């Protein structure tokens, strides 16, 4: 059984969400998701464990048969030596060749892109969930907001009725 701490979730094993890309869920329809590993340096994993990550405006680019995470900001680690990492450097994603080829073919279709959705720790290893995304139009976004508001109002009315 994993020992728990107050704010950090499980110490060993299990999953711990570090960052979520809420803007991606607002701006895109997510058709498919995939888990990928990350190639990191020591000070980056320490910053990730501290929760100092921003996935907003980041995306995945596939070039030369390799997948790269671009635009993700992992803040510098204050206790690192003078060899601290560059916060916005491109980071290689660890995927199987078949997965890279299949996602490259899907992303080449008009209107598709690959975006990171979540960054989390799984068994003390940093993983990123990437999604094959199709852009939403403005009316789709307004419809989603209206649906969310109406569901919230219904839950509130039901809660009021039973109190």
N, C-alpha and C. Protein backbone atom coordinates (compact mmCIF):
# COMPACT_ATOMS: atom_id res chain seq x y z
N UNK A 1 0.85 -1.18 0.00
CA UNK A 1 0.00 0.00 0.00
C UNK A 1 0.89 1.24 0.00
N UNK A 2 0.56 2.19 -0.83
CA UNK A 2 1.36 3.41 -0.95
C UNK A 2 1.11 4.33 0.23
N UNK A 3 2.18 4.88 0.74
CA UNK A 3 2.09 5.83 1.84
C UNK A 3 1.69 7.20 1.26
N UNK A 4 0.76 7.88 1.91
CA UNK A 4 0.29 9.17 1.41
C UNK A 4 0.84 10.31 2.24
N UNK A 5 1.08 11.41 1.57
CA UNK A 5 1.43 12.64 2.26
C UNK A 5 0.27 13.61 2.12
N UNK A 6 0.32 14.71 2.83
CA UNK A 6 -0.82 15.62 2.89
C UNK A 6 -1.17 16.22 1.53
N UNK A 7 -0.21 16.84 0.83
CA UNK A 7 -0.54 17.58 -0.38
C UNK A 7 -0.07 16.93 -1.67
N UNK A 8 0.76 15.90 -1.59
CA UNK A 8 1.42 15.43 -2.79
C UNK A 8 0.84 14.14 -3.36
N UNK A 9 -0.20 13.58 -2.78
CA UNK A 9 -0.75 12.33 -3.29
C UNK A 9 0.15 11.17 -2.90
N UNK A 10 0.05 10.05 -3.59
CA UNK A 10 0.83 8.89 -3.22
C UNK A 10 2.33 9.12 -3.43
N UNK A 11 3.13 8.61 -2.51
CA UNK A 11 4.57 8.76 -2.63
C UNK A 11 5.12 7.75 -3.63
N UNK A 12 4.68 6.49 -3.56
CA UNK A 12 5.14 5.45 -4.48
C UNK A 12 3.95 4.88 -5.23
N UNK A 13 4.13 4.63 -6.51
CA UNK A 13 3.06 4.03 -7.30
C UNK A 13 1.93 5.00 -7.54
N UNK A 14 0.94 4.56 -8.28
CA UNK A 14 -0.22 5.39 -8.54
C UNK A 14 0.06 6.53 -9.50
N UNK A 15 -0.97 7.30 -9.79
CA UNK A 15 -0.87 8.45 -10.69
C UNK A 15 -1.10 9.73 -9.89
N UNK A 16 -0.38 10.79 -10.26
CA UNK A 16 -0.58 12.09 -9.64
C UNK A 16 -0.60 13.14 -10.74
N UNK A 17 -1.74 13.79 -10.94
CA UNK A 17 -1.88 14.81 -11.96
C UNK A 17 -1.06 16.03 -11.57
N UNK A 18 -0.21 16.48 -12.50
CA UNK A 18 0.63 17.65 -12.27
C UNK A 18 0.04 18.88 -12.96
N UNK A 19 -0.33 18.74 -14.24
CA UNK A 19 -0.87 19.87 -15.00
C UNK A 19 -1.88 19.37 -16.01
N UNK A 20 -2.88 20.17 -16.27
CA UNK A 20 -3.90 19.84 -17.25
C UNK A 20 -4.04 21.03 -18.22
N UNK A 21 -4.23 20.73 -19.49
CA UNK A 21 -4.36 21.76 -20.51
C UNK A 21 -5.85 22.03 -20.75
N UNK A 22 -6.44 22.84 -19.89
CA UNK A 22 -7.88 23.11 -19.99
C UNK A 22 -8.21 23.87 -21.27
N UNK A 23 -7.29 24.68 -21.75
CA UNK A 23 -7.53 25.45 -22.97
C UNK A 23 -7.70 24.52 -24.17
N UNK A 24 -6.98 23.41 -24.18
CA UNK A 24 -7.09 22.45 -25.29
C UNK A 24 -8.49 21.85 -25.32
N UNK A 25 -9.05 21.53 -24.16
CA UNK A 25 -10.39 20.96 -24.12
C UNK A 25 -11.43 22.00 -24.56
N UNK A 26 -11.13 23.28 -24.36
CA UNK A 26 -12.06 24.33 -24.77
C UNK A 26 -11.95 24.61 -26.27
N UNK A 27 -10.74 24.57 -26.81
CA UNK A 27 -10.51 24.96 -28.20
C UNK A 27 -10.62 23.83 -29.22
N UNK A 28 -10.58 22.57 -28.76
CA UNK A 28 -10.53 21.44 -29.69
C UNK A 28 -11.50 20.34 -29.30
N UNK A 29 -11.92 19.56 -30.30
CA UNK A 29 -12.56 18.28 -30.08
C UNK A 29 -11.43 17.26 -30.02
N UNK A 30 -11.37 16.46 -28.98
CA UNK A 30 -10.32 15.47 -28.82
C UNK A 30 -10.86 14.13 -29.34
N UNK A 31 -10.26 13.64 -30.45
CA UNK A 31 -10.74 12.41 -31.07
C UNK A 31 -10.08 11.16 -30.49
N UNK A 32 -8.82 11.25 -30.11
CA UNK A 32 -8.09 10.08 -29.65
C UNK A 32 -6.99 10.54 -28.70
N UNK A 33 -6.66 9.70 -27.71
CA UNK A 33 -5.60 10.06 -26.77
C UNK A 33 -4.56 8.94 -26.71
N UNK A 34 -3.37 9.31 -26.23
CA UNK A 34 -2.26 8.36 -26.15
C UNK A 34 -1.32 8.83 -25.04
N UNK A 35 -0.76 7.87 -24.30
CA UNK A 35 0.20 8.19 -23.24
C UNK A 35 1.61 8.09 -23.80
N UNK A 36 2.45 9.07 -23.46
CA UNK A 36 3.83 9.08 -23.94
C UNK A 36 4.76 9.44 -22.78
N UNK A 37 5.96 8.90 -22.82
CA UNK A 37 6.98 9.26 -21.85
C UNK A 37 7.70 10.51 -22.30
N UNK A 38 8.48 11.11 -21.42
CA UNK A 38 9.22 12.33 -21.72
C UNK A 38 10.71 12.11 -21.43
N UNK A 39 11.56 12.68 -22.27
CA UNK A 39 12.99 12.70 -22.01
C UNK A 39 13.28 14.00 -21.27
N UNK A 40 13.72 13.89 -20.02
CA UNK A 40 13.93 15.05 -19.16
C UNK A 40 15.33 15.03 -18.57
N UNK A 41 15.75 16.19 -18.06
CA UNK A 41 16.99 16.27 -17.29
C UNK A 41 16.60 16.36 -15.81
N UNK A 42 17.56 16.22 -14.92
CA UNK A 42 17.29 16.13 -13.49
C UNK A 42 16.52 17.29 -12.91
N UNK A 43 16.89 18.51 -13.26
CA UNK A 43 16.20 19.65 -12.67
C UNK A 43 14.77 19.78 -13.20
N UNK A 44 14.49 19.24 -14.39
CA UNK A 44 13.13 19.30 -14.93
C UNK A 44 12.19 18.40 -14.14
N UNK A 45 12.62 17.19 -13.82
CA UNK A 45 11.75 16.28 -13.07
C UNK A 45 11.50 16.83 -11.67
N UNK A 46 12.49 17.51 -11.10
CA UNK A 46 12.29 18.11 -9.78
C UNK A 46 11.25 19.23 -9.86
N UNK A 47 11.28 20.04 -10.93
CA UNK A 47 10.28 21.10 -11.10
C UNK A 47 8.90 20.50 -11.36
N UNK A 48 8.85 19.40 -12.11
CA UNK A 48 7.56 18.75 -12.37
C UNK A 48 6.97 18.24 -11.07
N UNK A 49 7.78 17.60 -10.24
CA UNK A 49 7.29 17.11 -8.96
C UNK A 49 6.80 18.25 -8.07
N UNK A 50 7.38 19.43 -8.24
CA UNK A 50 6.94 20.61 -7.48
C UNK A 50 5.69 21.23 -8.10
N UNK A 51 5.27 20.75 -9.28
CA UNK A 51 4.05 21.25 -9.92
C UNK A 51 4.23 22.53 -10.70
N UNK A 52 5.43 22.85 -11.13
CA UNK A 52 5.71 24.12 -11.80
C UNK A 52 5.75 23.91 -13.32
N UNK A 53 4.59 23.55 -13.90
CA UNK A 53 4.49 23.22 -15.32
C UNK A 53 3.31 23.98 -15.91
N UNK A 54 3.47 24.44 -17.17
CA UNK A 54 2.38 25.09 -17.89
C UNK A 54 2.29 24.48 -19.28
N UNK A 55 1.15 23.86 -19.59
CA UNK A 55 0.94 23.21 -20.89
C UNK A 55 0.23 24.12 -21.89
N UNK A 56 -0.18 25.29 -21.48
CA UNK A 56 -0.93 26.18 -22.37
C UNK A 56 -0.09 26.56 -23.59
N UNK A 57 -0.68 26.59 -24.74
CA UNK A 57 -0.05 26.95 -26.01
C UNK A 57 1.06 25.99 -26.43
N UNK A 58 1.04 24.77 -25.94
CA UNK A 58 2.05 23.80 -26.37
C UNK A 58 1.41 22.82 -27.35
N UNK A 59 2.26 22.18 -28.13
CA UNK A 59 1.78 21.24 -29.14
C UNK A 59 2.86 20.20 -29.39
N UNK A 60 2.51 19.18 -30.17
CA UNK A 60 3.44 18.11 -30.51
C UNK A 60 3.75 18.21 -32.00
N UNK A 61 5.03 18.13 -32.33
CA UNK A 61 5.48 18.16 -33.72
C UNK A 61 6.23 16.86 -33.99
N UNK A 62 5.98 16.26 -35.15
CA UNK A 62 6.67 15.04 -35.53
C UNK A 62 7.60 15.39 -36.69
N UNK A 63 8.91 15.17 -36.47
CA UNK A 63 9.88 15.41 -37.53
C UNK A 63 11.01 14.39 -37.42
N UNK A 64 11.49 13.96 -38.56
CA UNK A 64 12.55 12.95 -38.65
C UNK A 64 12.20 11.68 -37.88
N UNK A 65 10.93 11.31 -37.89
CA UNK A 65 10.51 10.08 -37.24
C UNK A 65 10.49 10.15 -35.72
N UNK A 66 10.56 11.34 -35.14
CA UNK A 66 10.53 11.51 -33.70
C UNK A 66 9.46 12.53 -33.32
N UNK A 67 8.84 12.33 -32.17
CA UNK A 67 7.81 13.24 -31.68
C UNK A 67 8.44 14.19 -30.66
N UNK A 68 8.15 15.48 -30.79
CA UNK A 68 8.72 16.51 -29.92
C UNK A 68 7.60 17.32 -29.28
N UNK A 69 7.72 17.59 -27.99
CA UNK A 69 6.79 18.44 -27.26
C UNK A 69 7.36 19.85 -27.27
N UNK A 70 6.61 20.79 -27.87
CA UNK A 70 7.09 22.15 -28.09
C UNK A 70 6.19 23.13 -27.35
N UNK A 71 6.82 24.12 -26.71
CA UNK A 71 6.07 25.19 -26.08
C UNK A 71 5.67 24.94 -24.64
N UNK A 72 6.02 23.80 -24.08
CA UNK A 72 5.69 23.52 -22.68
C UNK A 72 6.70 24.23 -21.79
N UNK A 73 6.20 24.91 -20.78
CA UNK A 73 7.07 25.65 -19.87
C UNK A 73 7.20 24.87 -18.56
N UNK A 74 8.42 24.39 -18.30
CA UNK A 74 8.75 23.76 -17.02
C UNK A 74 9.71 24.73 -16.33
N UNK A 75 9.25 25.34 -15.26
CA UNK A 75 10.01 26.41 -14.60
C UNK A 75 11.35 25.90 -14.11
N UNK A 76 12.31 26.81 -14.01
CA UNK A 76 13.62 26.46 -13.48
C UNK A 76 13.52 26.00 -12.03
N UNK A 77 14.47 25.18 -11.63
CA UNK A 77 14.48 24.65 -10.27
C UNK A 77 15.48 25.47 -9.47
N UNK A 78 15.02 26.13 -8.41
CA UNK A 78 15.84 27.08 -7.65
C UNK A 78 17.06 26.41 -7.01
N UNK A 79 16.92 25.16 -6.59
CA UNK A 79 18.02 24.49 -5.91
C UNK A 79 19.00 23.83 -6.88
N UNK A 80 18.75 23.94 -8.18
CA UNK A 80 19.64 23.34 -9.16
C UNK A 80 20.95 24.14 -9.22
N UNK A 81 21.97 23.50 -9.76
CA UNK A 81 23.26 24.19 -9.87
C UNK A 81 23.20 25.18 -11.02
N UNK A 82 24.32 25.69 -11.41
CA UNK A 82 24.38 26.64 -12.51
C UNK A 82 23.97 25.99 -13.83
N UNK A 83 23.88 24.68 -13.88
CA UNK A 83 23.50 23.97 -15.10
C UNK A 83 22.00 23.74 -15.18
N UNK A 84 21.22 24.70 -14.75
CA UNK A 84 19.76 24.57 -14.78
C UNK A 84 19.28 24.47 -16.23
N UNK A 85 18.11 23.90 -16.44
CA UNK A 85 17.57 23.67 -17.78
C UNK A 85 16.92 24.93 -18.35
N UNK A 86 16.77 24.93 -19.68
CA UNK A 86 16.03 25.98 -20.38
C UNK A 86 14.54 25.69 -20.20
N UNK A 87 13.73 26.60 -19.65
CA UNK A 87 12.33 26.29 -19.33
C UNK A 87 11.47 25.92 -20.53
N UNK A 88 11.76 26.44 -21.72
CA UNK A 88 10.88 26.19 -22.86
C UNK A 88 11.55 25.34 -23.94
N UNK A 89 12.56 24.57 -23.58
CA UNK A 89 13.24 23.76 -24.60
C UNK A 89 12.31 22.69 -25.14
N UNK A 90 12.61 22.21 -26.34
CA UNK A 90 11.83 21.13 -26.94
C UNK A 90 12.21 19.82 -26.25
N UNK A 91 11.19 19.02 -25.92
CA UNK A 91 11.44 17.76 -25.22
C UNK A 91 10.95 16.60 -26.08
N UNK A 92 11.78 15.57 -26.16
CA UNK A 92 11.45 14.41 -26.98
C UNK A 92 10.42 13.54 -26.26
N UNK A 93 9.44 13.05 -27.03
CA UNK A 93 8.44 12.14 -26.50
C UNK A 93 8.84 10.71 -26.84
N UNK A 94 8.59 9.82 -25.90
CA UNK A 94 8.93 8.42 -26.09
C UNK A 94 7.69 7.66 -26.55
N UNK A 95 7.68 7.30 -27.83
CA UNK A 95 6.57 6.56 -28.44
C UNK A 95 7.15 5.45 -29.32
N UNK A 96 6.33 4.44 -29.57
CA UNK A 96 6.74 3.38 -30.50
C UNK A 96 6.67 3.90 -31.93
N UNK A 97 7.48 3.36 -32.80
CA UNK A 97 7.54 3.77 -34.20
C UNK A 97 6.16 3.69 -34.86
N UNK A 98 5.44 2.59 -34.61
CA UNK A 98 4.11 2.42 -35.21
C UNK A 98 3.16 3.52 -34.77
N UNK A 99 3.22 3.89 -33.49
CA UNK A 99 2.35 4.95 -32.98
C UNK A 99 2.69 6.29 -33.63
N UNK A 100 3.98 6.58 -33.76
CA UNK A 100 4.40 7.84 -34.39
C UNK A 100 3.91 7.90 -35.83
N UNK A 101 4.10 6.82 -36.59
CA UNK A 101 3.68 6.81 -37.99
C UNK A 101 2.17 6.96 -38.13
N UNK A 102 1.42 6.27 -37.27
CA UNK A 102 -0.05 6.34 -37.35
C UNK A 102 -0.54 7.75 -37.00
N UNK A 103 0.04 8.35 -35.96
CA UNK A 103 -0.39 9.69 -35.56
C UNK A 103 0.04 10.74 -36.56
N UNK A 104 1.18 10.54 -37.21
CA UNK A 104 1.63 11.48 -38.25
C UNK A 104 0.65 11.46 -39.42
N UNK A 105 0.20 10.27 -39.80
CA UNK A 105 -0.77 10.17 -40.90
C UNK A 105 -2.10 10.82 -40.51
N UNK A 106 -2.54 10.63 -39.27
CA UNK A 106 -3.81 11.22 -38.84
C UNK A 106 -3.69 12.74 -38.73
N UNK A 107 -2.55 13.24 -38.23
CA UNK A 107 -2.38 14.68 -38.04
C UNK A 107 -2.19 15.40 -39.37
N UNK A 108 -1.79 14.67 -40.42
CA UNK A 108 -1.60 15.29 -41.72
C UNK A 108 -2.93 15.66 -42.38
N UNK A 109 -4.02 15.07 -41.90
CA UNK A 109 -5.33 15.42 -42.44
C UNK A 109 -5.66 16.87 -42.09
N UNK A 110 -6.45 17.49 -42.92
CA UNK A 110 -6.78 18.90 -42.73
C UNK A 110 -7.54 19.13 -41.43
N UNK A 111 -7.09 20.10 -40.67
CA UNK A 111 -7.79 20.50 -39.46
C UNK A 111 -7.37 19.75 -38.20
N UNK A 112 -6.43 18.83 -38.28
CA UNK A 112 -6.00 18.08 -37.11
C UNK A 112 -4.64 18.56 -36.60
N UNK A 113 -4.46 18.47 -35.31
CA UNK A 113 -3.19 18.76 -34.67
C UNK A 113 -3.05 17.84 -33.47
N UNK A 114 -1.86 17.77 -32.92
CA UNK A 114 -1.61 16.95 -31.74
C UNK A 114 -1.25 17.88 -30.60
N UNK A 115 -2.01 17.80 -29.50
CA UNK A 115 -1.80 18.69 -28.36
C UNK A 115 -1.63 17.87 -27.09
N UNK A 116 -0.82 18.36 -26.14
CA UNK A 116 -0.73 17.69 -24.84
C UNK A 116 -1.96 18.04 -24.00
N UNK A 117 -2.54 17.04 -23.35
CA UNK A 117 -3.73 17.27 -22.54
C UNK A 117 -3.43 17.29 -21.05
N UNK A 118 -2.60 16.35 -20.60
CA UNK A 118 -2.28 16.25 -19.17
C UNK A 118 -0.83 15.84 -19.01
N UNK A 119 -0.23 16.30 -17.94
CA UNK A 119 1.09 15.83 -17.54
C UNK A 119 0.94 15.28 -16.13
N UNK A 120 1.39 14.06 -15.91
CA UNK A 120 1.22 13.42 -14.62
C UNK A 120 2.39 12.50 -14.32
N UNK A 121 2.49 12.11 -13.06
CA UNK A 121 3.50 11.15 -12.64
C UNK A 121 2.82 9.79 -12.51
N UNK A 122 3.41 8.80 -13.13
CA UNK A 122 2.90 7.43 -13.06
C UNK A 122 4.06 6.57 -12.60
N UNK A 123 3.95 6.01 -11.41
CA UNK A 123 5.03 5.24 -10.80
C UNK A 123 6.34 6.04 -10.80
N UNK A 124 6.25 7.30 -10.43
CA UNK A 124 7.38 8.23 -10.33
C UNK A 124 8.05 8.53 -11.66
N UNK A 125 7.39 8.30 -12.76
CA UNK A 125 7.90 8.67 -14.07
C UNK A 125 6.94 9.67 -14.69
N UNK A 126 7.49 10.71 -15.30
CA UNK A 126 6.66 11.75 -15.92
C UNK A 126 6.08 11.22 -17.22
N UNK A 127 4.77 11.34 -17.37
CA UNK A 127 4.06 10.94 -18.58
C UNK A 127 3.22 12.11 -19.05
N UNK A 128 3.02 12.17 -20.34
CA UNK A 128 2.15 13.19 -20.90
C UNK A 128 1.08 12.49 -21.73
N UNK A 129 -0.16 12.92 -21.57
CA UNK A 129 -1.25 12.38 -22.38
C UNK A 129 -1.45 13.35 -23.54
N UNK A 130 -1.27 12.84 -24.75
CA UNK A 130 -1.44 13.68 -25.93
C UNK A 130 -2.74 13.30 -26.61
N UNK A 131 -3.30 14.25 -27.33
CA UNK A 131 -4.58 14.01 -27.98
C UNK A 131 -4.56 14.48 -29.42
N UNK A 132 -5.22 13.72 -30.28
CA UNK A 132 -5.43 14.12 -31.67
C UNK A 132 -6.63 15.05 -31.67
N UNK A 133 -6.41 16.30 -32.00
CA UNK A 133 -7.42 17.33 -31.81
C UNK A 133 -7.86 17.95 -33.13
N UNK A 134 -9.14 18.27 -33.18
CA UNK A 134 -9.76 18.93 -34.32
C UNK A 134 -10.33 20.24 -33.80
N UNK A 135 -10.03 21.34 -34.47
CA UNK A 135 -10.42 22.67 -33.99
C UNK A 135 -11.92 22.88 -33.91
N UNK A 136 -12.34 23.61 -32.88
CA UNK A 136 -13.75 23.97 -32.72
C UNK A 136 -14.00 25.33 -33.35
N UNK A 137 -15.21 25.52 -33.83
CA UNK A 137 -15.65 26.83 -34.30
C UNK A 137 -16.19 27.61 -33.10
N UNK A 138 -16.38 28.89 -33.27
CA UNK A 138 -16.85 29.73 -32.17
C UNK A 138 -18.23 29.27 -31.68
N UNK A 139 -19.11 28.86 -32.60
CA UNK A 139 -20.44 28.44 -32.17
C UNK A 139 -20.39 27.13 -31.40
N UNK A 140 -19.40 26.27 -31.69
CA UNK A 140 -19.22 25.04 -30.90
C UNK A 140 -18.83 25.38 -29.47
N UNK A 141 -17.96 26.37 -29.32
CA UNK A 141 -17.52 26.77 -27.98
C UNK A 141 -18.69 27.35 -27.19
N UNK A 142 -19.49 28.20 -27.84
CA UNK A 142 -20.64 28.79 -27.16
C UNK A 142 -21.64 27.71 -26.76
N UNK A 143 -21.83 26.73 -27.63
CA UNK A 143 -22.76 25.63 -27.33
C UNK A 143 -22.28 24.82 -26.12
N UNK A 144 -20.99 24.56 -26.06
CA UNK A 144 -20.43 23.80 -24.93
C UNK A 144 -20.60 24.58 -23.63
N UNK A 145 -20.38 25.89 -23.66
CA UNK A 145 -20.54 26.72 -22.46
C UNK A 145 -22.00 26.73 -22.02
N UNK A 146 -22.93 26.86 -22.97
CA UNK A 146 -24.35 26.87 -22.64
C UNK A 146 -24.78 25.53 -22.05
N UNK A 147 -24.30 24.43 -22.60
CA UNK A 147 -24.63 23.09 -22.09
C UNK A 147 -24.10 22.92 -20.66
N UNK A 148 -22.88 23.37 -20.42
CA UNK A 148 -22.28 23.27 -19.09
C UNK A 148 -23.07 24.11 -18.07
N UNK A 149 -23.48 25.32 -18.48
CA UNK A 149 -24.26 26.18 -17.58
C UNK A 149 -25.61 25.57 -17.26
N UNK A 150 -26.27 25.00 -18.26
CA UNK A 150 -27.59 24.40 -18.01
C UNK A 150 -27.47 23.17 -17.11
N UNK A 151 -26.43 22.37 -17.30
CA UNK A 151 -26.23 21.21 -16.42
C UNK A 151 -25.96 21.66 -14.99
N UNK A 152 -25.20 22.72 -14.83
CA UNK A 152 -24.91 23.25 -13.49
C UNK A 152 -26.20 23.75 -12.84
N UNK A 153 -27.06 24.44 -13.62
CA UNK A 153 -28.34 24.93 -13.08
C UNK A 153 -29.24 23.77 -12.67
N UNK A 154 -29.26 22.70 -13.49
CA UNK A 154 -30.08 21.53 -13.13
C UNK A 154 -29.59 20.88 -11.85
N UNK A 155 -28.28 20.72 -11.71
CA UNK A 155 -27.73 20.13 -10.48
C UNK A 155 -28.06 20.98 -9.26
N UNK A 156 -27.97 22.29 -9.45
CA UNK A 156 -28.28 23.21 -8.36
C UNK A 156 -29.75 23.11 -7.97
N UNK A 157 -30.66 23.01 -8.96
CA UNK A 157 -32.09 22.90 -8.69
C UNK A 157 -32.41 21.59 -7.98
N UNK A 158 -31.78 20.50 -8.41
CA UNK A 158 -32.00 19.21 -7.77
C UNK A 158 -31.50 19.23 -6.33
N UNK A 159 -30.37 19.85 -6.12
CA UNK A 159 -29.80 19.94 -4.78
C UNK A 159 -30.71 20.76 -3.88
N UNK A 160 -31.26 21.88 -4.40
CA UNK A 160 -32.18 22.71 -3.63
C UNK A 160 -33.45 21.94 -3.27
N UNK A 161 -33.93 21.12 -4.19
CA UNK A 161 -35.17 20.38 -4.00
C UNK A 161 -35.04 19.36 -2.88
N UNK A 162 -33.88 18.74 -2.74
CA UNK A 162 -33.70 17.69 -1.75
C UNK A 162 -33.21 18.21 -0.40
N UNK A 163 -33.05 19.49 -0.25
CA UNK A 163 -32.60 20.03 1.04
C UNK A 163 -33.75 20.52 1.86
